[in-house]
């Protein structure tokens, strides 16, 4: 291992996974066998499992965003901060703000 993995780095990686787009995971399903060389250019961080059947059918399983957010929430609550939990509060404030923007955009 090159360096020590800090809880902040773990939390940041989980945050990126929780909010990652799954567009490339969908593209993977529709790739023809002769297009498999394109896989290297896809962002497949959200994919947890892929099965390709003998007839060419593809089954994909994606990471559970809710579980990732719960895990992230637990990490942020446990992390020591000088402000006494400011990171968790900032996270939930950002989540509320994002939810408000999404609600406003659907009207």
PDB file of N, CA and C in Angstrom:
ATOM      1  N   UNK A   1       0.843  -1.178   0.000  1.00  0.00           N
ATOM      2  CA  UNK A   1       0.000   0.000   0.000  1.00  0.00           C
ATOM      3  C   UNK A   1       0.885   1.238   0.000  1.00  0.00           C
ATOM      4  N   UNK A   2       0.596   2.162  -0.875  1.00  0.00           N
ATOM      5  CA  UNK A   2       1.443   3.342  -1.038  1.00  0.00           C
ATOM      6  C   UNK A   2       1.324   4.314   0.124  1.00  0.00           C
ATOM      7  N   UNK A   3       0.132   4.527   0.628  1.00  0.00           N
ATOM      8  CA  UNK A   3      -0.067   5.467   1.717  1.00  0.00           C
ATOM      9  C   UNK A   3      -1.219   5.030   2.586  1.00  0.00           C
ATOM     10  N   UNK A   4      -1.277   5.639   3.742  1.00  0.00           N
ATOM     11  CA  UNK A   4      -2.343   5.295   4.667  1.00  0.00           C
ATOM     12  C   UNK A   4      -3.655   5.884   4.162  1.00  0.00           C
ATOM     13  N   UNK A   5      -4.701   5.084   4.187  1.00  0.00           N
ATOM     14  CA  UNK A   5      -6.017   5.510   3.739  1.00  0.00           C
ATOM     15  C   UNK A   5      -6.733   6.164   4.915  1.00  0.00           C
ATOM     16  N   UNK A   6      -7.016   7.441   4.793  1.00  0.00           N
ATOM     17  CA  UNK A   6      -7.669   8.159   5.883  1.00  0.00           C
ATOM     18  C   UNK A   6      -9.176   8.010   5.782  1.00  0.00           C
ATOM     19  N   UNK A   7      -9.853   8.245   6.887  1.00  0.00           N
ATOM     20  CA  UNK A   7     -11.316   8.166   6.879  1.00  0.00           C
ATOM     21  C   UNK A   7     -11.903   9.243   5.975  1.00  0.00           C
ATOM     22  N   UNK A   8     -11.219  10.367   5.844  1.00  0.00           N
ATOM     23  CA  UNK A   8     -11.698  11.428   4.953  1.00  0.00           C
ATOM     24  C   UNK A   8     -11.654  10.966   3.495  1.00  0.00           C
ATOM     25  N   UNK A   9     -10.589  10.242   3.121  1.00  0.00           N
ATOM     26  CA  UNK A   9     -10.489   9.731   1.751  1.00  0.00           C
ATOM     27  C   UNK A   9     -11.561   8.674   1.486  1.00  0.00           C
ATOM     28  N   UNK A  10     -11.807   7.819   2.473  1.00  0.00           N
ATOM     29  CA  UNK A  10     -12.846   6.796   2.333  1.00  0.00           C
ATOM     30  C   UNK A  10     -14.206   7.461   2.175  1.00  0.00           C
ATOM     31  N   UNK A  11     -14.490   8.448   3.023  1.00  0.00           N
ATOM     32  CA  UNK A  11     -15.768   9.159   2.952  1.00  0.00           C
ATOM     33  C   UNK A  11     -15.926   9.859   1.604  1.00  0.00           C
ATOM     34  N   UNK A  12     -14.866  10.443   1.090  1.00  0.00           N
ATOM     35  CA  UNK A  12     -14.931  11.125  -0.201  1.00  0.00           C
ATOM     36  C   UNK A  12     -15.201  10.130  -1.331  1.00  0.00           C
ATOM     37  N   UNK A  13     -14.573   8.973  -1.273  1.00  0.00           N
ATOM     38  CA  UNK A  13     -14.804   7.955  -2.307  1.00  0.00           C
ATOM     39  C   UNK A  13     -16.251   7.448  -2.245  1.00  0.00           C
ATOM     40  N   UNK A  14     -16.758   7.221  -1.054  1.00  0.00           N
ATOM     41  CA  UNK A  14     -18.147   6.777  -0.904  1.00  0.00           C
ATOM     42  C   UNK A  14     -19.093   7.856  -1.411  1.00  0.00           C
ATOM     43  N   UNK A  15     -18.791   9.119  -1.130  1.00  0.00           N
ATOM     44  CA  UNK A  15     -19.624  10.224  -1.616  1.00  0.00           C
ATOM     45  C   UNK A  15     -19.651  10.238  -3.142  1.00  0.00           C
ATOM     46  N   UNK A  16     -18.482  10.060  -3.754  1.00  0.00           N
ATOM     47  CA  UNK A  16     -18.420  10.047  -5.220  1.00  0.00           C
ATOM     48  C   UNK A  16     -19.238   8.895  -5.796  1.00  0.00           C
ATOM     49  N   UNK A  17     -19.159   7.729  -5.162  1.00  0.00           N
ATOM     50  CA  UNK A  17     -19.947   6.587  -5.625  1.00  0.00           C
ATOM     51  C   UNK A  17     -21.441   6.838  -5.464  1.00  0.00           C
ATOM     52  N   UNK A  18     -21.827   7.409  -4.329  1.00  0.00           N
ATOM     53  CA  UNK A  18     -23.248   7.637  -4.051  1.00  0.00           C
ATOM     54  C   UNK A  18     -23.877   8.604  -5.044  1.00  0.00           C
ATOM     55  N   UNK A  19     -23.102   9.556  -5.542  1.00  0.00           N
ATOM     56  CA  UNK A  19     -23.646  10.565  -6.454  1.00  0.00           C
ATOM     57  C   UNK A  19     -23.179  10.373  -7.900  1.00  0.00           C
ATOM     58  N   UNK A  20     -22.541   9.241  -8.174  1.00  0.00           N
ATOM     59  CA  UNK A  20     -22.053   8.971  -9.529  1.00  0.00           C
ATOM     60  C   UNK A  20     -23.221   8.740 -10.487  1.00  0.00           C
ATOM     61  N   UNK A  21     -22.990   9.068 -11.736  1.00  0.00           N
ATOM     62  CA  UNK A  21     -24.000   8.819 -12.768  1.00  0.00           C
ATOM     63  C   UNK A  21     -23.854   7.378 -13.257  1.00  0.00           C
ATOM     64  N   UNK A  22     -24.959   6.812 -13.670  1.00  0.00           N
ATOM     65  CA  UNK A  22     -24.929   5.432 -14.150  1.00  0.00           C
ATOM     66  C   UNK A  22     -25.065   5.352 -15.670  1.00  0.00           C
ATOM     67  N   UNK A  23     -24.869   6.463 -16.359  1.00  0.00           N
ATOM     68  CA  UNK A  23     -25.010   6.503 -17.822  1.00  0.00           C
ATOM     69  C   UNK A  23     -24.153   5.445 -18.514  1.00  0.00           C
ATOM     70  N   UNK A  24     -22.896   5.351 -18.120  1.00  0.00           N
ATOM     71  CA  UNK A  24     -21.998   4.406 -18.778  1.00  0.00           C
ATOM     72  C   UNK A  24     -22.378   2.959 -18.466  1.00  0.00           C
ATOM     73  N   UNK A  25     -22.968   2.731 -17.299  1.00  0.00           N
ATOM     74  CA  UNK A  25     -23.437   1.384 -16.970  1.00  0.00           C
ATOM     75  C   UNK A  25     -24.555   0.974 -17.925  1.00  0.00           C
ATOM     76  N   UNK A  26     -25.409   1.918 -18.275  1.00  0.00           N
ATOM     77  CA  UNK A  26     -26.484   1.649 -19.234  1.00  0.00           C
ATOM     78  C   UNK A  26     -25.892   1.416 -20.623  1.00  0.00           C
ATOM     79  N   UNK A  27     -24.898   2.209 -20.996  1.00  0.00           N
ATOM     80  CA  UNK A  27     -24.247   2.024 -22.301  1.00  0.00           C
ATOM     81  C   UNK A  27     -23.651   0.619 -22.416  1.00  0.00           C
ATOM     82  N   UNK A  28     -23.089   0.125 -21.317  1.00  0.00           N
ATOM     83  CA  UNK A  28     -22.474  -1.195 -21.317  1.00  0.00           C
ATOM     84  C   UNK A  28     -23.475  -2.276 -21.731  1.00  0.00           C
ATOM     85  N   UNK A  29     -24.698  -2.158 -21.256  1.00  0.00           N
ATOM     86  CA  UNK A  29     -25.726  -3.151 -21.565  1.00  0.00           C
ATOM     87  C   UNK A  29     -26.004  -3.212 -23.064  1.00  0.00           C
ATOM     88  N   UNK A  30     -25.922  -2.072 -23.736  1.00  0.00           N
ATOM     89  CA  UNK A  30     -26.276  -2.008 -25.146  1.00  0.00           C
ATOM     90  C   UNK A  30     -25.095  -2.187 -26.104  1.00  0.00           C
ATOM     91  N   UNK A  31     -23.901  -2.433 -25.570  1.00  0.00           N
ATOM     92  CA  UNK A  31     -22.753  -2.677 -26.443  1.00  0.00           C
ATOM     93  C   UNK A  31     -22.911  -4.012 -27.160  1.00  0.00           C
ATOM     94  N   UNK A  32     -22.617  -4.000 -28.431  1.00  0.00           N
ATOM     95  CA  UNK A  32     -22.599  -5.233 -29.217  1.00  0.00           C
ATOM     96  C   UNK A  32     -21.270  -5.948 -28.940  1.00  0.00           C
ATOM     97  N   UNK A  33     -21.228  -7.267 -29.115  1.00  0.00           N
ATOM     98  CA  UNK A  33     -19.975  -7.999 -28.847  1.00  0.00           C
ATOM     99  C   UNK A  33     -18.762  -7.431 -29.584  1.00  0.00           C
ATOM    100  N   UNK A  34     -18.956  -6.905 -30.793  1.00  0.00           N
ATOM    101  CA  UNK A  34     -17.818  -6.346 -31.536  1.00  0.00           C
ATOM    102  C   UNK A  34     -17.400  -4.970 -31.013  1.00  0.00           C
ATOM    103  N   UNK A  35     -18.167  -4.389 -30.093  1.00  0.00           N
ATOM    104  CA  UNK A  35     -17.845  -3.074 -29.520  1.00  0.00           C
ATOM    105  C   UNK A  35     -17.211  -3.178 -28.135  1.00  0.00           C
ATOM    106  N   UNK A  36     -16.885  -4.362 -27.685  1.00  0.00           N
ATOM    107  CA  UNK A  36     -16.380  -4.543 -26.326  1.00  0.00           C
ATOM    108  C   UNK A  36     -15.082  -3.790 -26.058  1.00  0.00           C
ATOM    109  N   UNK A  37     -14.376  -3.378 -27.087  1.00  0.00           N
ATOM    110  CA  UNK A  37     -13.167  -2.572 -26.918  1.00  0.00           C
ATOM    111  C   UNK A  37     -13.455  -1.202 -26.325  1.00  0.00           C
ATOM    112  N   UNK A  38     -14.708  -0.766 -26.381  1.00  0.00           N
ATOM    113  CA  UNK A  38     -15.094   0.540 -25.831  1.00  0.00           C
ATOM    114  C   UNK A  38     -15.218   0.530 -24.310  1.00  0.00           C
ATOM    115  N   UNK A  39     -15.196  -0.640 -23.705  1.00  0.00           N
ATOM    116  CA  UNK A  39     -15.394  -0.753 -22.254  1.00  0.00           C
ATOM    117  C   UNK A  39     -14.363   0.052 -21.477  1.00  0.00           C
ATOM    118  N   UNK A  40     -13.125   0.076 -21.948  1.00  0.00           N
ATOM    119  CA  UNK A  40     -12.065   0.787 -21.223  1.00  0.00           C
ATOM    120  C   UNK A  40     -12.372   2.264 -21.034  1.00  0.00           C
ATOM    121  N   UNK A  41     -13.161   2.852 -21.909  1.00  0.00           N
ATOM    122  CA  UNK A  41     -13.484   4.274 -21.809  1.00  0.00           C
ATOM    123  C   UNK A  41     -14.714   4.575 -20.972  1.00  0.00           C
ATOM    124  N   UNK A  42     -15.368   3.540 -20.431  1.00  0.00           N
ATOM    125  CA  UNK A  42     -16.592   3.745 -19.655  1.00  0.00           C
ATOM    126  C   UNK A  42     -16.286   3.872 -18.166  1.00  0.00           C
ATOM    127  N   UNK A  43     -17.065   4.697 -17.478  1.00  0.00           N
ATOM    128  CA  UNK A  43     -16.969   4.818 -16.023  1.00  0.00           C
ATOM    129  C   UNK A  43     -17.953   3.818 -15.425  1.00  0.00           C
ATOM    130  N   UNK A  44     -17.423   2.718 -14.929  1.00  0.00           N
ATOM    131  CA  UNK A  44     -18.267   1.636 -14.426  1.00  0.00           C
ATOM    132  C   UNK A  44     -18.169   1.480 -12.913  1.00  0.00           C
ATOM    133  N   UNK A  45     -17.859   2.565 -12.208  1.00  0.00           N
ATOM    134  CA  UNK A  45     -17.752   2.502 -10.755  1.00  0.00           C
ATOM    135  C   UNK A  45     -19.058   2.093 -10.085  1.00  0.00           C
ATOM    136  N   UNK A  46     -20.192   2.408 -10.697  1.00  0.00           N
ATOM    137  CA  UNK A  46     -21.487   2.070 -10.104  1.00  0.00           C
ATOM    138  C   UNK A  46     -21.860   0.598 -10.305  1.00  0.00           C
ATOM    139  N   UNK A  47     -21.149  -0.115 -11.171  1.00  0.00           N
ATOM    140  CA  UNK A  47     -21.486  -1.506 -11.488  1.00  0.00           C
ATOM    141  C   UNK A  47     -20.869  -2.435 -10.446  1.00  0.00           C
ATOM    142  N   UNK A  48     -21.717  -3.280  -9.840  1.00  0.00           N
ATOM    143  CA  UNK A  48     -21.199  -4.241  -8.873  1.00  0.00           C
ATOM    144  C   UNK A  48     -21.130  -5.653  -9.456  1.00  0.00           C
ATOM    145  N   UNK A  49     -21.921  -5.915 -10.506  1.00  0.00           N
ATOM    146  CA  UNK A  49     -21.927  -7.255 -11.096  1.00  0.00           C
ATOM    147  C   UNK A  49     -22.417  -7.180 -12.540  1.00  0.00           C
ATOM    148  N   UNK A  50     -21.806  -7.983 -13.411  1.00  0.00           N
ATOM    149  CA  UNK A  50     -22.220  -8.071 -14.813  1.00  0.00           C
ATOM    150  C   UNK A  50     -22.254  -9.544 -15.207  1.00  0.00           C
ATOM    151  N   UNK A  51     -23.335  -9.927 -15.881  1.00  0.00           N
ATOM    152  CA  UNK A  51     -23.445 -11.287 -16.422  1.00  0.00           C
ATOM    153  C   UNK A  51     -23.848 -11.175 -17.886  1.00  0.00           C
ATOM    154  N   UNK A  52     -23.155 -11.901 -18.744  1.00  0.00           N
ATOM    155  CA  UNK A  52     -23.520 -11.955 -20.166  1.00  0.00           C
ATOM    156  C   UNK A  52     -23.849 -13.407 -20.486  1.00  0.00           C
ATOM    157  N   UNK A  53     -25.056 -13.610 -20.984  1.00  0.00           N
ATOM    158  CA  UNK A  53     -25.518 -14.951 -21.314  1.00  0.00           C
ATOM    159  C   UNK A  53     -25.027 -15.411 -22.674  1.00  0.00           C
ATOM    160  N   UNK A  54     -25.258 -16.679 -22.959  1.00  0.00           N
ATOM    161  CA  UNK A  54     -24.812 -17.289 -24.212  1.00  0.00           C
ATOM    162  C   UNK A  54     -25.479 -16.658 -25.429  1.00  0.00           C
ATOM    163  N   UNK A  55     -26.681 -16.135 -25.257  1.00  0.00           N
ATOM    164  CA  UNK A  55     -27.416 -15.532 -26.373  1.00  0.00           C
ATOM    165  C   UNK A  55     -27.168 -14.030 -26.482  1.00  0.00           C
ATOM    166  N   UNK A  56     -26.242 -13.512 -25.687  1.00  0.00           N
ATOM    167  CA  UNK A  56     -25.893 -12.097 -25.769  1.00  0.00           C
ATOM    168  C   UNK A  56     -26.603 -11.200 -24.772  1.00  0.00           C
ATOM    169  N   UNK A  57     -27.527 -11.766 -23.991  1.00  0.00           N
ATOM    170  CA  UNK A  57     -28.219 -10.936 -23.004  1.00  0.00           C
ATOM    171  C   UNK A  57     -27.255 -10.525 -21.890  1.00  0.00           C
ATOM    172  N   UNK A  58     -27.476  -9.326 -21.356  1.00  0.00           N
ATOM    173  CA  UNK A  58     -26.599  -8.775 -20.323  1.00  0.00           C
ATOM    174  C   UNK A  58     -27.438  -8.425 -19.103  1.00  0.00           C
ATOM    175  N   UNK A  59     -26.931  -8.815 -17.941  1.00  0.00           N
ATOM    176  CA  UNK A  59     -27.575  -8.456 -16.675  1.00  0.00           C
ATOM    177  C   UNK A  59     -26.555  -7.685 -15.857  1.00  0.00           C
ATOM    178  N   UNK A  60     -26.985  -6.543 -15.333  1.00  0.00           N
ATOM    179  CA  UNK A  60     -26.106  -5.690 -14.532  1.00  0.00           C
ATOM    180  C   UNK A  60     -26.734  -5.422 -13.182  1.00  0.00           C
ATOM    181  N   UNK A  61     -25.893  -5.353 -12.178  1.00  0.00           N
ATOM    182  CA  UNK A  61     -26.338  -4.907 -10.862  1.00  0.00           C
ATOM    183  C   UNK A  61     -25.509  -3.679 -10.513  1.00  0.00           C
ATOM    184  N   UNK A  62     -26.195  -2.648 -10.012  1.00  0.00           N
ATOM    185  CA  UNK A  62     -25.522  -1.406  -9.634  1.00  0.00           C
ATOM    186  C   UNK A  62     -25.409  -1.319  -8.124  1.00  0.00           C
ATOM    187  N   UNK A  63     -24.502  -0.476  -7.669  1.00  0.00           N
ATOM    188  CA  UNK A  63     -24.362  -0.234  -6.241  1.00  0.00           C
ATOM    189  C   UNK A  63     -25.646   0.378  -5.696  1.00  0.00           C
ATOM    190  N   UNK A  64     -25.929   0.099  -4.442  1.00  0.00           N
ATOM    191  CA  UNK A  64     -27.117   0.610  -3.773  1.00  0.00           C
ATOM    192  C   UNK A  64     -26.807   2.004  -3.220  1.00  0.00           C
ATOM    193  N   UNK A  65     -27.378   3.031  -3.834  1.00  0.00           N
ATOM    194  CA  UNK A  65     -27.105   4.414  -3.419  1.00  0.00           C
ATOM    195  C   UNK A  65     -27.559   4.684  -1.985  1.00  0.00           C
ATOM    196  N   UNK A  66     -28.701   4.130  -1.614  1.00  0.00           N
ATOM    197  CA  UNK A  66     -29.215   4.351  -0.258  1.00  0.00           C
ATOM    198  C   UNK A  66     -28.238   3.781   0.764  1.00  0.00           C
ATOM    199  N   UNK A  67     -27.742   2.578   0.516  1.00  0.00           N
ATOM    200  CA  UNK A  67     -26.772   1.971   1.428  1.00  0.00           C
ATOM    201  C   UNK A  67     -25.492   2.798   1.494  1.00  0.00           C
ATOM    202  N   UNK A  68     -25.057   3.324   0.350  1.00  0.00           N
ATOM    203  CA  UNK A  68     -23.862   4.173   0.337  1.00  0.00           C
ATOM    204  C   UNK A  68     -24.078   5.444   1.146  1.00  0.00           C
ATOM    205  N   UNK A  69     -25.255   6.064   0.999  1.00  0.00           N
ATOM    206  CA  UNK A  69     -25.552   7.284   1.754  1.00  0.00           C
ATOM    207  C   UNK A  69     -25.648   7.001   3.248  1.00  0.00           C
ATOM    208  N   UNK A  70     -26.224   5.858   3.609  1.00  0.00           N
ATOM    209  CA  UNK A  70     -26.286   5.488   5.027  1.00  0.00           C
ATOM    210  C   UNK A  70     -24.880   5.269   5.582  1.00  0.00           C
ATOM    211  N   UNK A  71     -24.047   4.604   4.807  1.00  0.00           N
ATOM    212  CA  UNK A  71     -22.659   4.377   5.220  1.00  0.00           C
ATOM    213  C   UNK A  71     -21.920   5.698   5.371  1.00  0.00           C
ATOM    214  N   UNK A  72     -22.098   6.581   4.412  1.00  0.00           N
ATOM    215  CA  UNK A  72     -21.455   7.892   4.465  1.00  0.00           C
ATOM    216  C   UNK A  72     -21.934   8.680   5.677  1.00  0.00           C
ATOM    217  N   UNK A  73     -23.216   8.642   5.921  1.00  0.00           N
ATOM    218  CA  UNK A  73     -23.777   9.344   7.077  1.00  0.00           C
ATOM    219  C   UNK A  73     -23.154   8.832   8.371  1.00  0.00           C
ATOM    220  N   UNK A  74     -23.030   7.513   8.483  1.00  0.00           N
ATOM    221  CA  UNK A  74     -22.415   6.932   9.673  1.00  0.00           C
ATOM    222  C   UNK A  74     -20.965   7.344   9.830  1.00  0.00           C
ATOM    223  N   UNK A  75     -20.233   7.384   8.727  1.00  0.00           N
ATOM    224  CA  UNK A  75     -18.831   7.809   8.788  1.00  0.00           C
ATOM    225  C   UNK A  75     -18.710   9.269   9.211  1.00  0.00           C
ATOM    226  N   UNK A  76     -19.584  10.111   8.671  1.00  0.00           N
ATOM    227  CA  UNK A  76     -19.514  11.536   8.995  1.00  0.00           C
ATOM    228  C   UNK A  76     -19.905  11.803  10.443  1.00  0.00           C
ATOM    229  N   UNK A  77     -20.856  11.045  10.954  1.00  0.00           N
ATOM    230  CA  UNK A  77     -21.262  11.225  12.349  1.00  0.00           C
ATOM    231  C   UNK A  77     -20.158  10.806  13.307  1.00  0.00           C
ATOM    232  N   UNK A  78     -19.374   9.788  12.927  1.00  0.00           N
ATOM    233  CA  UNK A  78     -18.309   9.281  13.789  1.00  0.00           C
ATOM    234  C   UNK A  78     -17.025  10.083  13.683  1.00  0.00           C
ATOM    235  N   UNK A  79     -16.875  10.860  12.600  1.00  0.00           N
ATOM    236  CA  UNK A  79     -15.610  11.562  12.393  1.00  0.00           C
ATOM    237  C   UNK A  79     -15.457  12.700  13.395  1.00  0.00           C
ATOM    238  N   UNK A  80     -14.287  12.779  14.015  1.00  0.00           N
ATOM    239  CA  UNK A  80     -14.048  13.865  14.964  1.00  0.00           C
ATOM    240  C   UNK A  80     -13.837  15.184  14.230  1.00  0.00           C
ATOM    241  N   UNK A  81     -14.571  16.192  14.628  1.00  0.00           N
ATOM    242  CA  UNK A  81     -14.399  17.520  14.037  1.00  0.00           C
ATOM    243  C   UNK A  81     -14.297  18.544  15.151  1.00  0.00           C
ATOM    244  N   UNK A  82     -13.525  19.584  14.938  1.00  0.00           N
ATOM    245  CA  UNK A  82     -13.411  20.618  15.958  1.00  0.00           C
ATOM    246  C   UNK A  82     -14.755  21.300  16.240  1.00  0.00           C
ATOM    247  N   UNK A  83     -15.635  21.331  15.233  1.00  0.00           N
ATOM    248  CA  UNK A  83     -16.916  22.005  15.409  1.00  0.00           C
ATOM    249  C   UNK A  83     -17.946  21.079  16.052  1.00  0.00           C
ATOM    250  N   UNK A  84     -17.588  19.835  16.290  1.00  0.00           N
ATOM    251  CA  UNK A  84     -18.522  18.909  16.902  1.00  0.00           C
ATOM    252  C   UNK A  84     -19.605  18.437  15.943  1.00  0.00           C
ATOM    253  N   UNK A  85     -19.205  17.800  14.852  1.00  0.00           N
ATOM    254  CA  UNK A  85     -20.187  17.249  13.924  1.00  0.00           C
ATOM    255  C   UNK A  85     -20.501  18.145  12.755  1.00  0.00           C
ATOM    256  N   UNK A  86     -19.679  19.134  12.512  1.00  0.00           N
ATOM    257  CA  UNK A  86     -19.937  20.068  11.427  1.00  0.00           C
ATOM    258  C   UNK A  86     -19.963  19.422  10.056  1.00  0.00           C
ATOM    259  N   UNK A  87     -19.160  18.383   9.855  1.00  0.00           N
ATOM    260  CA  UNK A  87     -19.140  17.722   8.552  1.00  0.00           C
ATOM    261  C   UNK A  87     -20.482  17.077   8.250  1.00  0.00           C
ATOM    262  N   UNK A  88     -21.043  16.383   9.215  1.00  0.00           N
ATOM    263  CA  UNK A  88     -22.343  15.740   9.001  1.00  0.00           C
ATOM    264  C   UNK A  88     -23.416  16.790   8.750  1.00  0.00           C
ATOM    265  N   UNK A  89     -23.372  17.861   9.512  1.00  0.00           N
ATOM    266  CA  UNK A  89     -24.354  18.934   9.329  1.00  0.00           C
ATOM    267  C   UNK A  89     -24.224  19.554   7.936  1.00  0.00           C
ATOM    268  N   UNK A  90     -23.001  19.777   7.487  1.00  0.00           N
ATOM    269  CA  UNK A  90     -22.773  20.326   6.148  1.00  0.00           C
ATOM    270  C   UNK A  90     -23.289  19.381   5.074  1.00  0.00           C
ATOM    271  N   UNK A  91     -23.062  18.097   5.274  1.00  0.00           N
ATOM    272  CA  UNK A  91     -23.523  17.101   4.318  1.00  0.00           C
ATOM    273  C   UNK A  91     -25.043  17.142   4.186  1.00  0.00           C
ATOM    274  N   UNK A  92     -25.743  17.132   5.322  1.00  0.00           N
ATOM    275  CA  UNK A  92     -27.201  17.114   5.264  1.00  0.00           C
ATOM    276  C   UNK A  92     -27.765  18.440   4.768  1.00  0.00           C
ATOM    277  N   UNK A  93     -27.095  19.536   5.048  1.00  0.00           N
ATOM    278  CA  UNK A  93     -27.518  20.828   4.502  1.00  0.00           C
ATOM    279  C   UNK A  93     -27.397  20.808   2.983  1.00  0.00           C
ATOM    280  N   UNK A  94     -26.300  20.256   2.487  1.00  0.00           N
ATOM    281  CA  UNK A  94     -26.106  20.147   1.039  1.00  0.00           C
ATOM    282  C   UNK A  94     -27.153  19.227   0.423  1.00  0.00           C
ATOM    283  N   UNK A  95     -27.476  18.135   1.100  1.00  0.00           N
ATOM    284  CA  UNK A  95     -28.509  17.215   0.604  1.00  0.00           C
ATOM    285  C   UNK A  95     -29.866  17.914   0.536  1.00  0.00           C
ATOM    286  N   UNK A  96     -30.212  18.683   1.580  1.00  0.00           N
ATOM    287  CA  UNK A  96     -31.481  19.422   1.585  1.00  0.00           C
ATOM    288  C   UNK A  96     -31.524  20.430   0.448  1.00  0.00           C
ATOM    289  N   UNK A  97     -30.419  21.120   0.236  1.00  0.00           N
ATOM    290  CA  UNK A  97     -30.341  22.111  -0.833  1.00  0.00           C
ATOM    291  C   UNK A  97     -30.527  21.451  -2.195  1.00  0.00           C
ATOM    292  N   UNK A  98     -29.866  20.325  -2.402  1.00  0.00           N
ATOM    293  CA  UNK A  98     -29.991  19.602  -3.662  1.00  0.00           C
ATOM    294  C   UNK A  98     -31.422  19.112  -3.863  1.00  0.00           C
ATOM    295  N   UNK A  99     -32.033  18.588  -2.813  1.00  0.00           N
ATOM    296  CA  UNK A  99     -33.414  18.107  -2.913  1.00  0.00           C
ATOM    297  C   UNK A  99     -34.358  19.250  -3.259  1.00  0.00           C
ATOM    298  N   UNK A 100     -34.133  20.418  -2.669  1.00  0.00           N
ATOM    299  CA  UNK A 100     -34.971  21.583  -2.972  1.00  0.00           C
ATOM    300  C   UNK A 100     -34.831  21.991  -4.430  1.00  0.00           C
ATOM    301  N   UNK A 101     -33.602  21.976  -4.938  1.00  0.00           N
ATOM    302  CA  UNK A 101     -33.374  22.334  -6.338  1.00  0.00           C
ATOM    303  C   UNK A 101     -34.051  21.336  -7.269  1.00  0.00           C
ATOM    304  N   UNK A 102     -33.961  20.048  -6.926  1.00  0.00           N
ATOM    305  CA  UNK A 102     -34.589  19.023  -7.757  1.00  0.00           C
ATOM    306  C   UNK A 102     -36.105  19.147  -7.726  1.00  0.00           C
ATOM    307  N   UNK A 103     -36.676  19.413  -6.561  1.00  0.00           N
ATOM    308  CA  UNK A 103     -38.128  19.600  -6.450  1.00  0.00           C
ATOM    309  C   UNK A 103     -38.581  20.798  -7.260  1.00  0.00           C
ATOM    310  N   UNK A 104     -37.811  21.866  -7.204  1.00  0.00           N
ATOM    311  CA  UNK A 104     -38.155  23.080  -7.942  1.00  0.00           C
ATOM    312  C   UNK A 104     -38.042  22.892  -9.435  1.00  0.00           C
ATOM    313  N   UNK A 105     -37.136  22.038  -9.876  1.00  0.00           N
ATOM    314  CA  UNK A 105     -36.933  21.815 -11.301  1.00  0.00           C
ATOM    315  C   UNK A 105     -38.007  20.952 -11.933  1.00  0.00           C
ATOM    316  N   UNK A 106     -38.760  20.201 -11.122  1.00  0.00           N
ATOM    317  CA  UNK A 106     -39.774  19.307 -11.665  1.00  0.00           C
ATOM    318  C   UNK A 106     -41.117  19.988 -11.852  1.00  0.00           C
ATOM    319  N   UNK A 107     -41.296  21.164 -11.309  1.00  0.00           N
ATOM    320  CA  UNK A 107     -42.592  21.851 -11.391  1.00  0.00           C
ATOM    321  C   UNK A 107     -42.799  22.489 -12.725  1.00  0.00           C
TER     322      UNK A 107
END
